[in-house]
C-alpha cells in the first residue's frame, strides 16, 4: 500500500489532508552496521530528535520482549514445580524397592554397583519419558493450533514444536530425571543392608 492511501485510511476525520502528525520515521541503511553512527549524526544535526537503531527502539518494554519474559517465567515455575513432583515420585518408587536393595547389599554387592544400575535405569526411564512427551506434543500441536485458530478466528500459529525446542526439552528433562533417580537412590543406599531388608 502506498503512503497516501494508508494516510487516507488512518487519518482522523477532523485532520485535514497533508497535516497528519509524524511520530516516527524508519530509515533503511545500505550497511546496517552503520546504524549507531547514523543515529548519532542525526541527533547531533537535528536537536530534539531521538534517533536510535530499530533494534533498540523496542527496548526492554517491547510487546514481544515482555511476552518472551512472561513465557520464560511461566516455564521456570513449571519446571521447578515438576522437578519437585518428580523428585517426590522418584523417592517413593525407590523406597518401594528398599527390600530388594537391602538383599543386594547383604549378598555383597557394593553400593556403587547398585547406584550404577539405578543410574542406568534412571537414564532409560528419563529418555523414554522425554520421547513420550515429545510425541504427545507433536500429536497435539495441530489440534491446539486448529482449536485456537477457530476460537479467535485467526491464522496465527499458537504452538510450534521445532527441533530447537525439542532439543531444549530433552536437555532439561533427561538430566532432571536422572538426577532425581540418583539422588533418591543415594539417600536409600546410605542406610545399612540390615535396615533396608528390615531385619
N, C-alpha and C. Protein backbone atom coordinates (compact mmCIF):
# COMPACT_ATOMS: atom_id res chain seq x y z
N UNK A 1 0.86 -1.19 0.00
CA UNK A 1 0.00 0.00 0.00
C UNK A 1 0.89 1.24 0.00
N UNK A 2 0.55 2.20 -0.84
CA UNK A 2 1.30 3.45 -0.90
C UNK A 2 0.94 4.33 0.28
N UNK A 3 1.88 5.21 0.65
CA UNK A 3 1.69 6.05 1.83
C UNK A 3 0.44 6.93 1.74
N UNK A 4 0.15 7.60 0.61
CA UNK A 4 -1.09 8.41 0.57
C UNK A 4 -2.35 7.57 0.83
N UNK A 5 -2.39 6.36 0.28
CA UNK A 5 -3.56 5.51 0.52
C UNK A 5 -3.67 5.11 1.99
N UNK A 6 -2.53 4.82 2.60
CA UNK A 6 -2.53 4.47 4.03
C UNK A 6 -2.99 5.66 4.88
N UNK A 7 -2.54 6.86 4.52
CA UNK A 7 -2.96 8.05 5.26
C UNK A 7 -4.45 8.29 5.12
N UNK A 8 -4.98 8.03 3.92
CA UNK A 8 -6.42 8.20 3.73
C UNK A 8 -7.23 7.25 4.61
N UNK A 9 -6.68 6.08 4.84
CA UNK A 9 -7.39 5.09 5.66
C UNK A 9 -7.27 5.39 7.15
N UNK A 10 -6.14 5.92 7.57
CA UNK A 10 -5.88 6.08 9.00
C UNK A 10 -6.10 7.50 9.50
N UNK A 11 -6.30 8.48 8.61
CA UNK A 11 -6.45 9.86 9.02
C UNK A 11 -7.77 10.06 9.77
N UNK A 12 -7.70 10.78 10.89
CA UNK A 12 -8.91 11.12 11.63
C UNK A 12 -9.77 12.08 10.83
N UNK A 13 -11.05 12.07 11.11
CA UNK A 13 -11.98 12.89 10.31
C UNK A 13 -11.72 14.38 10.47
N UNK A 14 -11.22 14.80 11.63
CA UNK A 14 -11.00 16.22 11.87
C UNK A 14 -9.60 16.69 11.50
N UNK A 15 -8.80 15.86 10.84
CA UNK A 15 -7.44 16.22 10.45
C UNK A 15 -7.42 16.45 8.94
N UNK A 16 -7.06 17.67 8.50
CA UNK A 16 -7.02 17.94 7.06
C UNK A 16 -5.91 17.14 6.38
N UNK A 17 -6.13 16.82 5.11
CA UNK A 17 -5.11 16.07 4.36
C UNK A 17 -3.83 16.88 4.26
N UNK A 18 -2.72 16.23 4.49
CA UNK A 18 -1.42 16.88 4.43
C UNK A 18 -0.93 17.43 5.75
N UNK A 19 -1.77 17.37 6.78
CA UNK A 19 -1.36 17.88 8.10
C UNK A 19 -1.26 16.77 9.13
N UNK A 20 -1.11 15.54 8.66
CA UNK A 20 -1.03 14.41 9.59
C UNK A 20 0.26 14.50 10.41
N UNK A 21 0.17 14.24 11.71
CA UNK A 21 1.40 14.26 12.52
C UNK A 21 2.26 13.04 12.22
N UNK A 22 3.56 13.23 12.32
CA UNK A 22 4.52 12.14 12.11
C UNK A 22 5.18 11.84 13.44
N UNK A 23 5.03 10.63 13.90
CA UNK A 23 5.61 10.24 15.19
C UNK A 23 6.93 9.51 15.02
N UNK A 24 7.10 8.84 13.89
CA UNK A 24 8.30 8.03 13.73
C UNK A 24 8.61 7.87 12.24
N UNK A 25 9.87 7.90 11.91
CA UNK A 25 10.32 7.68 10.53
C UNK A 25 11.37 6.58 10.57
N UNK A 26 11.19 5.57 9.75
CA UNK A 26 12.16 4.49 9.63
C UNK A 26 13.05 4.75 8.42
N UNK A 27 14.34 4.61 8.60
CA UNK A 27 15.31 4.84 7.53
C UNK A 27 16.08 3.54 7.30
N UNK A 28 16.07 3.07 6.06
CA UNK A 28 16.83 1.87 5.72
C UNK A 28 18.23 2.23 5.27
N UNK A 29 19.24 1.64 5.89
CA UNK A 29 20.63 1.93 5.56
C UNK A 29 21.20 0.83 4.68
N UNK A 30 22.15 1.21 3.82
CA UNK A 30 22.81 0.22 2.96
C UNK A 30 23.58 -0.78 3.82
N UNK A 31 24.27 -0.26 4.84
CA UNK A 31 25.02 -1.11 5.76
C UNK A 31 24.39 -0.99 7.15
N UNK A 32 23.67 -2.03 7.60
CA UNK A 32 23.03 -1.94 8.93
C UNK A 32 24.03 -1.72 10.06
N UNK A 33 25.30 -2.01 9.82
CA UNK A 33 26.30 -1.80 10.86
C UNK A 33 26.55 -0.33 11.16
N UNK A 34 26.11 0.56 10.25
CA UNK A 34 26.29 2.00 10.46
C UNK A 34 25.14 2.62 11.24
N UNK A 35 24.22 1.81 11.76
CA UNK A 35 23.03 2.35 12.39
C UNK A 35 23.36 3.22 13.59
N UNK A 36 24.28 2.79 14.43
CA UNK A 36 24.61 3.57 15.63
C UNK A 36 25.24 4.90 15.27
N UNK A 37 26.17 4.90 14.31
CA UNK A 37 26.81 6.15 13.88
C UNK A 37 25.81 7.08 13.21
N UNK A 38 24.92 6.53 12.40
CA UNK A 38 23.89 7.32 11.74
C UNK A 38 22.97 7.98 12.76
N UNK A 39 22.60 7.21 13.81
CA UNK A 39 21.75 7.76 14.86
C UNK A 39 22.43 8.91 15.58
N UNK A 40 23.73 8.80 15.82
CA UNK A 40 24.48 9.89 16.48
C UNK A 40 24.54 11.13 15.59
N UNK A 41 24.75 10.93 14.29
CA UNK A 41 24.82 12.07 13.36
C UNK A 41 23.49 12.81 13.29
N UNK A 42 22.38 12.06 13.22
CA UNK A 42 21.06 12.68 13.16
C UNK A 42 20.77 13.45 14.44
N UNK A 43 21.08 12.86 15.58
CA UNK A 43 20.83 13.53 16.86
C UNK A 43 21.67 14.80 16.99
N UNK A 44 22.88 14.79 16.43
CA UNK A 44 23.74 15.97 16.52
C UNK A 44 23.28 17.09 15.58
N UNK A 45 22.74 16.74 14.42
CA UNK A 45 22.35 17.74 13.44
C UNK A 45 20.95 18.29 13.67
N UNK A 46 20.07 17.50 14.27
CA UNK A 46 18.69 17.94 14.48
C UNK A 46 18.39 17.82 15.98
N UNK A 47 18.58 18.88 16.74
CA UNK A 47 18.30 18.81 18.19
C UNK A 47 16.83 18.52 18.45
N UNK A 48 16.59 17.75 19.46
CA UNK A 48 15.23 17.41 19.83
C UNK A 48 14.71 16.15 19.16
N UNK A 49 15.46 15.59 18.21
CA UNK A 49 15.05 14.37 17.52
C UNK A 49 15.76 13.19 18.19
N UNK A 50 14.98 12.19 18.55
CA UNK A 50 15.56 10.97 19.13
C UNK A 50 15.79 9.98 18.00
N UNK A 51 17.03 9.68 17.74
CA UNK A 51 17.39 8.72 16.69
C UNK A 51 18.05 7.53 17.34
N UNK A 52 17.57 6.36 17.01
CA UNK A 52 18.13 5.14 17.57
C UNK A 52 17.90 3.98 16.62
N UNK A 53 18.76 2.96 16.67
CA UNK A 53 18.56 1.78 15.82
C UNK A 53 17.22 1.11 16.12
N UNK A 54 16.65 0.50 15.12
CA UNK A 54 15.34 -0.13 15.29
C UNK A 54 15.39 -1.25 16.33
N UNK A 55 16.56 -1.89 16.45
CA UNK A 55 16.67 -2.97 17.43
C UNK A 55 16.58 -2.45 18.85
N UNK A 56 16.95 -1.15 19.05
CA UNK A 56 16.87 -0.57 20.38
C UNK A 56 15.54 0.11 20.64
N UNK A 57 14.76 0.34 19.56
CA UNK A 57 13.52 1.08 19.71
C UNK A 57 12.51 0.33 20.57
N UNK A 58 12.49 -1.00 20.40
CA UNK A 58 11.55 -1.78 21.20
C UNK A 58 11.91 -1.73 22.67
N UNK A 59 13.23 -1.68 22.95
CA UNK A 59 13.69 -1.58 24.33
C UNK A 59 13.30 -2.79 25.15
N UNK A 60 13.36 -2.62 26.45
CA UNK A 60 13.03 -3.72 27.36
C UNK A 60 11.54 -3.85 27.60
N UNK A 61 10.75 -2.90 27.03
CA UNK A 61 9.31 -2.95 27.25
C UNK A 61 8.54 -3.26 25.97
N UNK A 62 9.23 -3.67 24.92
CA UNK A 62 8.53 -4.03 23.70
C UNK A 62 7.58 -5.17 23.94
N UNK A 63 6.49 -5.24 23.17
CA UNK A 63 5.48 -6.27 23.44
C UNK A 63 6.03 -7.69 23.35
N UNK A 64 6.90 -7.93 22.36
CA UNK A 64 7.42 -9.30 22.23
C UNK A 64 8.45 -9.61 23.30
N UNK A 65 9.19 -8.58 23.75
CA UNK A 65 10.15 -8.79 24.84
C UNK A 65 9.41 -9.13 26.12
N UNK A 66 8.34 -8.39 26.40
CA UNK A 66 7.54 -8.65 27.60
C UNK A 66 6.91 -10.03 27.52
N UNK A 67 6.38 -10.38 26.34
CA UNK A 67 5.77 -11.70 26.17
C UNK A 67 6.79 -12.81 26.35
N UNK A 68 7.99 -12.59 25.83
CA UNK A 68 9.04 -13.61 25.98
C UNK A 68 9.42 -13.79 27.45
N UNK A 69 9.50 -12.70 28.19
CA UNK A 69 9.83 -12.80 29.61
C UNK A 69 8.71 -13.48 30.39
N UNK A 70 7.46 -13.20 30.00
CA UNK A 70 6.33 -13.86 30.65
C UNK A 70 6.39 -15.37 30.41
N UNK A 71 6.66 -15.78 29.18
CA UNK A 71 6.78 -17.20 28.87
C UNK A 71 7.94 -17.83 29.64
N UNK A 72 9.04 -17.11 29.75
CA UNK A 72 10.18 -17.63 30.49
C UNK A 72 9.83 -17.84 31.96
N UNK A 73 9.08 -16.89 32.55
CA UNK A 73 8.69 -17.01 33.96
C UNK A 73 7.75 -18.20 34.15
N UNK A 74 6.78 -18.36 33.25
CA UNK A 74 5.85 -19.48 33.35
C UNK A 74 6.60 -20.81 33.21
N UNK A 75 7.54 -20.86 32.24
CA UNK A 75 8.31 -22.09 32.03
C UNK A 75 9.17 -22.42 33.25
N UNK A 76 9.77 -21.40 33.85
CA UNK A 76 10.61 -21.63 35.03
C UNK A 76 9.81 -22.19 36.20
N UNK A 77 8.64 -21.60 36.45
CA UNK A 77 7.79 -22.08 37.54
C UNK A 77 7.32 -23.51 37.25
N UNK A 78 6.96 -23.77 35.99
CA UNK A 78 6.50 -25.12 35.63
C UNK A 78 7.60 -26.15 35.83
N UNK A 79 8.82 -25.82 35.39
CA UNK A 79 9.94 -26.76 35.54
C UNK A 79 10.26 -26.99 37.01
N UNK A 80 10.24 -25.92 37.81
CA UNK A 80 10.53 -26.06 39.24
C UNK A 80 9.49 -26.95 39.93
N UNK A 81 8.22 -26.69 39.64
CA UNK A 81 7.16 -27.49 40.27
C UNK A 81 7.21 -28.94 39.83
N UNK A 82 7.44 -29.16 38.54
CA UNK A 82 7.51 -30.54 38.05
C UNK A 82 8.73 -31.26 38.59
N UNK A 83 9.83 -30.52 38.82
CA UNK A 83 11.02 -31.15 39.39
C UNK A 83 10.76 -31.63 40.81
N UNK A 84 10.08 -30.81 41.60
CA UNK A 84 9.75 -31.21 42.98
C UNK A 84 8.83 -32.43 42.95
N UNK A 85 7.83 -32.42 42.07
CA UNK A 85 6.93 -33.56 41.97
C UNK A 85 7.67 -34.82 41.51
N UNK A 86 8.58 -34.65 40.53
CA UNK A 86 9.36 -35.78 40.04
C UNK A 86 10.26 -36.36 41.13
N UNK A 87 10.87 -35.49 41.92
CA UNK A 87 11.74 -35.96 42.99
C UNK A 87 10.94 -36.74 44.03
N UNK A 88 9.78 -36.22 44.41
CA UNK A 88 8.94 -36.94 45.39
C UNK A 88 8.48 -38.28 44.84
N UNK A 89 8.10 -38.31 43.57
CA UNK A 89 7.66 -39.57 42.96
C UNK A 89 8.81 -40.57 42.88
N UNK A 90 9.99 -40.09 42.53
CA UNK A 90 11.15 -40.97 42.42
C UNK A 90 11.55 -41.52 43.78
N UNK A 91 11.48 -40.69 44.81
CA UNK A 91 11.81 -41.17 46.16
C UNK A 91 10.84 -42.28 46.58
N UNK A 92 9.56 -42.12 46.28
CA UNK A 92 8.59 -43.17 46.62
C UNK A 92 8.86 -44.46 45.85
N UNK A 93 9.19 -44.32 44.55
CA UNK A 93 9.45 -45.52 43.74
C UNK A 93 10.70 -46.25 44.21
N UNK A 94 11.75 -45.49 44.53
CA UNK A 94 12.99 -46.12 45.01
C UNK A 94 12.76 -46.73 46.39
N UNK A 95 11.99 -46.05 47.23
CA UNK A 95 11.75 -46.56 48.57
C UNK A 95 10.97 -47.87 48.54
N UNK A 96 10.14 -48.07 47.53
CA UNK A 96 9.41 -49.33 47.40
C UNK A 96 10.35 -50.50 47.13
N UNK A 97 11.52 -50.21 46.60
CA UNK A 97 12.50 -51.27 46.32
C UNK A 97 13.51 -51.40 47.43
N UNK A 98 13.15 -50.92 48.61
CA UNK A 98 14.09 -50.95 49.73
C UNK A 98 14.53 -52.37 50.07
N UNK A 99 13.58 -53.30 50.09
CA UNK A 99 13.92 -54.68 50.45
C UNK A 99 14.86 -55.29 49.42
N UNK A 100 14.59 -55.06 48.14
CA UNK A 100 15.45 -55.61 47.08
C UNK A 100 16.86 -55.06 47.19
N UNK A 101 16.96 -53.75 47.39
CA UNK A 101 18.29 -53.14 47.54
C UNK A 101 18.99 -53.67 48.78
N UNK A 102 18.23 -53.88 49.87
CA UNK A 102 18.84 -54.42 51.09
C UNK A 102 19.38 -55.81 50.88
N UNK A 103 18.65 -56.66 50.15
CA UNK A 103 19.13 -58.01 49.86
C UNK A 103 20.39 -57.97 49.01
N UNK A 104 20.41 -57.09 48.02
CA UNK A 104 21.60 -56.96 47.17
C UNK A 104 22.80 -56.51 48.00
N UNK A 105 22.56 -55.61 48.96
CA UNK A 105 23.67 -55.18 49.82
C UNK A 105 24.15 -56.33 50.70
N UNK A 106 23.21 -57.16 51.22
CA UNK A 106 23.58 -58.25 52.13
C UNK A 106 24.34 -59.37 51.42
N UNK A 107 24.06 -59.57 50.11
CA UNK A 107 24.78 -60.64 49.40
C UNK A 107 26.13 -60.15 48.87
N UNK A 108 26.47 -58.89 49.15
CA UNK A 108 27.82 -58.43 48.86
C UNK A 108 27.96 -57.42 47.74
N UNK A 109 26.90 -57.03 47.09
CA UNK A 109 27.04 -56.02 46.03
C UNK A 109 27.38 -54.67 46.64
N UNK A 110 28.42 -54.01 46.15
CA UNK A 110 28.78 -52.71 46.71
C UNK A 110 27.74 -51.65 46.35
N UNK A 111 27.71 -50.59 47.13
CA UNK A 111 26.74 -49.52 46.90
C UNK A 111 26.96 -48.86 45.54
N UNK A 112 28.22 -48.76 45.11
CA UNK A 112 28.50 -48.15 43.81
C UNK A 112 27.89 -48.93 42.65
N UNK A 113 27.93 -50.27 42.75
CA UNK A 113 27.36 -51.12 41.70
C UNK A 113 25.84 -50.94 41.63
N UNK A 114 25.20 -50.92 42.77
CA UNK A 114 23.75 -50.74 42.80
C UNK A 114 23.38 -49.34 42.30
N UNK A 115 24.18 -48.35 42.69
CA UNK A 115 23.92 -46.98 42.25
C UNK A 115 24.06 -46.88 40.74
N UNK A 116 25.05 -47.59 40.16
CA UNK A 116 25.23 -47.57 38.72
C UNK A 116 24.04 -48.20 38.00
N UNK A 117 23.52 -49.29 38.56
CA UNK A 117 22.34 -49.92 37.97
C UNK A 117 21.14 -48.98 38.01
N UNK A 118 20.95 -48.33 39.15
CA UNK A 118 19.84 -47.39 39.25
C UNK A 118 20.04 -46.18 38.35
N UNK A 119 21.29 -45.78 38.13
CA UNK A 119 21.59 -44.68 37.22
C UNK A 119 21.20 -45.03 35.79
N UNK A 120 21.57 -46.25 35.35
CA UNK A 120 21.21 -46.70 34.01
C UNK A 120 19.69 -46.78 33.87
N UNK A 121 19.05 -47.29 34.90
CA UNK A 121 17.59 -47.37 34.88
C UNK A 121 16.97 -45.97 34.79
N UNK A 122 17.54 -45.03 35.54
CA UNK A 122 17.04 -43.66 35.51
C UNK A 122 17.21 -43.02 34.13
N UNK A 123 18.36 -43.30 33.47
CA UNK A 123 18.59 -42.77 32.12
C UNK A 123 17.55 -43.31 31.14
N UNK A 124 17.31 -44.62 31.21
CA UNK A 124 16.33 -45.23 30.29
C UNK A 124 14.93 -44.67 30.52
N UNK A 125 14.54 -44.54 31.78
CA UNK A 125 13.20 -44.01 32.08
C UNK A 125 13.10 -42.55 31.65
N UNK A 126 14.14 -41.76 31.89
CA UNK A 126 14.11 -40.34 31.52
C UNK A 126 14.04 -40.16 30.01
N UNK A 127 14.81 -40.97 29.27
CA UNK A 127 14.77 -40.88 27.80
C UNK A 127 13.41 -41.31 27.28
N UNK A 128 12.88 -42.40 27.83
CA UNK A 128 11.55 -42.86 27.39
C UNK A 128 10.49 -41.82 27.71
N UNK A 129 10.57 -41.20 28.88
CA UNK A 129 9.61 -40.16 29.24
C UNK A 129 9.72 -38.94 28.35
N UNK A 130 10.96 -38.56 28.00
CA UNK A 130 11.16 -37.41 27.11
C UNK A 130 10.58 -37.69 25.73
N UNK A 131 10.83 -38.88 25.20
CA UNK A 131 10.30 -39.22 23.89
C UNK A 131 8.77 -39.26 23.90
N UNK A 132 8.21 -39.80 24.98
CA UNK A 132 6.74 -39.82 25.09
C UNK A 132 6.18 -38.40 25.13
N UNK A 133 6.84 -37.52 25.88
CA UNK A 133 6.39 -36.13 25.95
C UNK A 133 6.47 -35.43 24.61
N UNK A 134 7.56 -35.68 23.86
CA UNK A 134 7.71 -35.07 22.53
C UNK A 134 6.65 -35.59 21.57
N UNK A 135 6.40 -36.89 21.61
CA UNK A 135 5.36 -37.45 20.73
C UNK A 135 3.99 -36.89 21.08
N UNK A 136 3.72 -36.73 22.38
CA UNK A 136 2.45 -36.15 22.80
C UNK A 136 2.32 -34.70 22.33
N UNK A 137 3.43 -33.94 22.44
CA UNK A 137 3.41 -32.55 22.00
C UNK A 137 3.21 -32.45 20.49
N UNK A 138 3.92 -33.30 19.74
CA UNK A 138 3.77 -33.28 18.28
C UNK A 138 2.37 -33.69 17.86
N UNK A 139 1.80 -34.66 18.57
CA UNK A 139 0.45 -35.12 18.23
C UNK A 139 -0.62 -34.09 18.54
N UNK A 140 -0.41 -33.30 19.59
CA UNK A 140 -1.42 -32.31 19.98
C UNK A 140 -1.17 -30.93 19.38
N UNK A 141 -0.03 -30.75 18.72
CA UNK A 141 0.30 -29.44 18.14
C UNK A 141 -0.77 -28.97 17.16
N UNK A 142 -1.13 -29.83 16.22
CA UNK A 142 -2.14 -29.45 15.22
C UNK A 142 -3.50 -29.21 15.84
N UNK A 143 -3.88 -30.02 16.82
CA UNK A 143 -5.18 -29.86 17.46
C UNK A 143 -5.26 -28.53 18.21
N UNK A 144 -4.19 -28.18 18.93
CA UNK A 144 -4.19 -26.93 19.68
C UNK A 144 -4.27 -25.74 18.72
N UNK A 145 -3.48 -25.77 17.65
CA UNK A 145 -3.50 -24.66 16.69
C UNK A 145 -4.86 -24.52 16.03
N UNK A 146 -5.44 -25.64 15.61
CA UNK A 146 -6.75 -25.55 14.95
C UNK A 146 -7.83 -25.04 15.90
N UNK A 147 -7.79 -25.47 17.16
CA UNK A 147 -8.81 -25.02 18.11
C UNK A 147 -8.73 -23.52 18.34
N UNK A 148 -7.52 -23.02 18.63
CA UNK A 148 -7.40 -21.59 18.93
C UNK A 148 -7.55 -20.73 17.68
N UNK A 149 -7.16 -21.25 16.51
CA UNK A 149 -7.43 -20.50 15.28
C UNK A 149 -8.93 -20.39 15.03
N UNK A 150 -9.67 -21.46 15.34
CA UNK A 150 -11.12 -21.41 15.21
C UNK A 150 -11.73 -20.50 16.27
N UNK A 151 -11.20 -20.61 17.50
CA UNK A 151 -11.78 -19.84 18.61
C UNK A 151 -11.60 -18.34 18.40
N UNK A 152 -10.42 -17.91 17.93
CA UNK A 152 -10.15 -16.48 17.77
C UNK A 152 -10.22 -16.01 16.32
N UNK A 153 -10.61 -16.91 15.42
CA UNK A 153 -10.77 -16.57 14.00
C UNK A 153 -9.51 -15.89 13.46
N UNK A 154 -8.41 -16.60 13.56
CA UNK A 154 -7.12 -16.06 13.13
C UNK A 154 -6.31 -17.15 12.47
N UNK A 155 -5.28 -16.72 11.74
CA UNK A 155 -4.36 -17.68 11.11
C UNK A 155 -3.06 -17.81 11.89
N UNK A 156 -3.00 -17.20 13.07
CA UNK A 156 -1.79 -17.28 13.89
C UNK A 156 -1.50 -18.72 14.31
N UNK A 157 -0.22 -19.04 14.41
CA UNK A 157 0.21 -20.34 14.90
C UNK A 157 0.54 -20.20 16.38
N UNK A 158 -0.18 -20.91 17.23
CA UNK A 158 -0.01 -20.77 18.67
C UNK A 158 1.04 -21.71 19.23
N UNK A 159 1.19 -22.88 18.64
CA UNK A 159 2.16 -23.87 19.12
C UNK A 159 2.97 -24.36 17.93
N UNK A 160 4.29 -24.37 18.09
CA UNK A 160 5.15 -24.91 17.04
C UNK A 160 6.31 -25.64 17.71
N UNK A 161 6.38 -26.93 17.49
CA UNK A 161 7.46 -27.75 18.04
C UNK A 161 8.58 -27.81 17.01
N UNK A 162 9.63 -27.06 17.24
CA UNK A 162 10.79 -27.03 16.34
C UNK A 162 11.87 -27.96 16.89
N UNK A 163 12.84 -28.33 16.04
CA UNK A 163 13.95 -29.15 16.56
C UNK A 163 14.68 -28.49 17.72
N UNK A 164 14.79 -27.16 17.70
CA UNK A 164 15.45 -26.47 18.81
C UNK A 164 14.67 -26.61 20.11
N UNK A 165 13.35 -26.46 20.02
CA UNK A 165 12.50 -26.61 21.21
C UNK A 165 12.59 -28.05 21.74
N UNK A 166 12.54 -29.02 20.82
CA UNK A 166 12.63 -30.42 21.24
C UNK A 166 13.97 -30.70 21.92
N UNK A 167 15.05 -30.16 21.37
CA UNK A 167 16.37 -30.38 21.95
C UNK A 167 16.47 -29.79 23.35
N UNK A 168 15.91 -28.59 23.53
CA UNK A 168 15.94 -27.96 24.85
C UNK A 168 15.13 -28.78 25.86
N UNK A 169 13.97 -29.28 25.43
CA UNK A 169 13.14 -30.09 26.32
C UNK A 169 13.87 -31.36 26.76
N UNK A 170 14.50 -32.03 25.81
CA UNK A 170 15.24 -33.25 26.15
C UNK A 170 16.43 -32.92 27.05
N UNK A 171 17.12 -31.82 26.74
CA UNK A 171 18.29 -31.42 27.54
C UNK A 171 17.91 -31.08 28.98
N UNK A 172 16.68 -30.66 29.20
CA UNK A 172 16.23 -30.35 30.56
C UNK A 172 15.66 -31.60 31.23
N UNK A 173 14.83 -32.35 30.50
CA UNK A 173 14.10 -33.47 31.10
C UNK A 173 15.01 -34.63 31.50
N UNK A 174 15.93 -35.01 30.61
CA UNK A 174 16.77 -36.19 30.89
C UNK A 174 17.68 -35.97 32.10
N UNK A 175 18.45 -34.87 32.16
CA UNK A 175 19.28 -34.68 33.36
C UNK A 175 18.47 -34.58 34.65
N UNK A 176 17.30 -33.92 34.60
CA UNK A 176 16.49 -33.82 35.81
C UNK A 176 15.99 -35.18 36.26
N UNK A 177 15.54 -36.00 35.30
CA UNK A 177 15.08 -37.34 35.65
C UNK A 177 16.19 -38.20 36.22
N UNK A 178 17.35 -38.14 35.60
CA UNK A 178 18.49 -38.93 36.09
C UNK A 178 18.94 -38.44 37.47
N UNK A 179 19.00 -37.10 37.64
CA UNK A 179 19.42 -36.55 38.93
C UNK A 179 18.45 -36.93 40.04
N UNK A 180 17.15 -36.93 39.74
CA UNK A 180 16.16 -37.32 40.75
C UNK A 180 16.33 -38.78 41.14
N UNK A 181 16.56 -39.64 40.14
CA UNK A 181 16.74 -41.07 40.43
C UNK A 181 18.00 -41.32 41.25
N UNK A 182 19.10 -40.72 40.83
CA UNK A 182 20.36 -40.92 41.54
C UNK A 182 20.29 -40.34 42.95
N UNK A 183 19.68 -39.16 43.09
CA UNK A 183 19.56 -38.55 44.42
C UNK A 183 18.74 -39.41 45.37
N UNK A 184 17.60 -39.92 44.87
CA UNK A 184 16.78 -40.78 45.72
C UNK A 184 17.50 -42.08 46.05
N UNK A 185 18.21 -42.65 45.07
CA UNK A 185 18.94 -43.90 45.31
C UNK A 185 20.09 -43.68 46.30
N UNK A 186 20.77 -42.55 46.20
CA UNK A 186 21.89 -42.28 47.09
C UNK A 186 21.41 -42.15 48.54
N UNK A 187 20.27 -41.51 48.73
CA UNK A 187 19.71 -41.41 50.09
C UNK A 187 19.38 -42.79 50.63
N UNK A 188 18.86 -43.65 49.76
CA UNK A 188 18.50 -45.00 50.19
C UNK A 188 19.74 -45.84 50.49
N UNK A 189 20.78 -45.72 49.68
CA UNK A 189 21.97 -46.56 49.83
C UNK A 189 22.83 -46.14 51.02
N UNK A 190 22.58 -45.02 51.59
CA UNK A 190 23.36 -44.61 52.76
C UNK A 190 22.96 -45.43 54.00
N UNK A 191 21.82 -46.12 53.93
CA UNK A 191 21.40 -46.96 55.04
C UNK A 191 22.10 -48.31 54.96
N UNK A 192 22.14 -49.00 56.06
CA UNK A 192 22.78 -50.31 56.09
C UNK A 192 21.87 -51.34 55.44
N UNK A 193 22.50 -52.46 55.03
CA UNK A 193 21.74 -53.52 54.38
C UNK A 193 20.69 -54.12 55.29
N UNK A 194 20.98 -54.25 56.58
CA UNK A 194 20.01 -54.82 57.53
C UNK A 194 18.79 -53.93 57.68
N UNK A 195 19.02 -52.61 57.72
CA UNK A 195 17.89 -51.69 57.86
C UNK A 195 17.05 -51.71 56.58
N UNK A 196 17.72 -51.82 55.43
CA UNK A 196 16.98 -51.85 54.18
C UNK A 196 16.14 -53.11 54.06
N UNK A 197 16.71 -54.25 54.50
CA UNK A 197 15.99 -55.51 54.43
C UNK A 197 15.02 -55.69 55.58
N UNK A 198 15.00 -54.74 56.51
CA UNK A 198 14.09 -54.77 57.66
C UNK A 198 14.31 -56.03 58.49
N UNK A 199 15.56 -56.30 58.75
CA UNK A 199 15.91 -57.45 59.58
C UNK A 199 16.63 -56.94 60.83
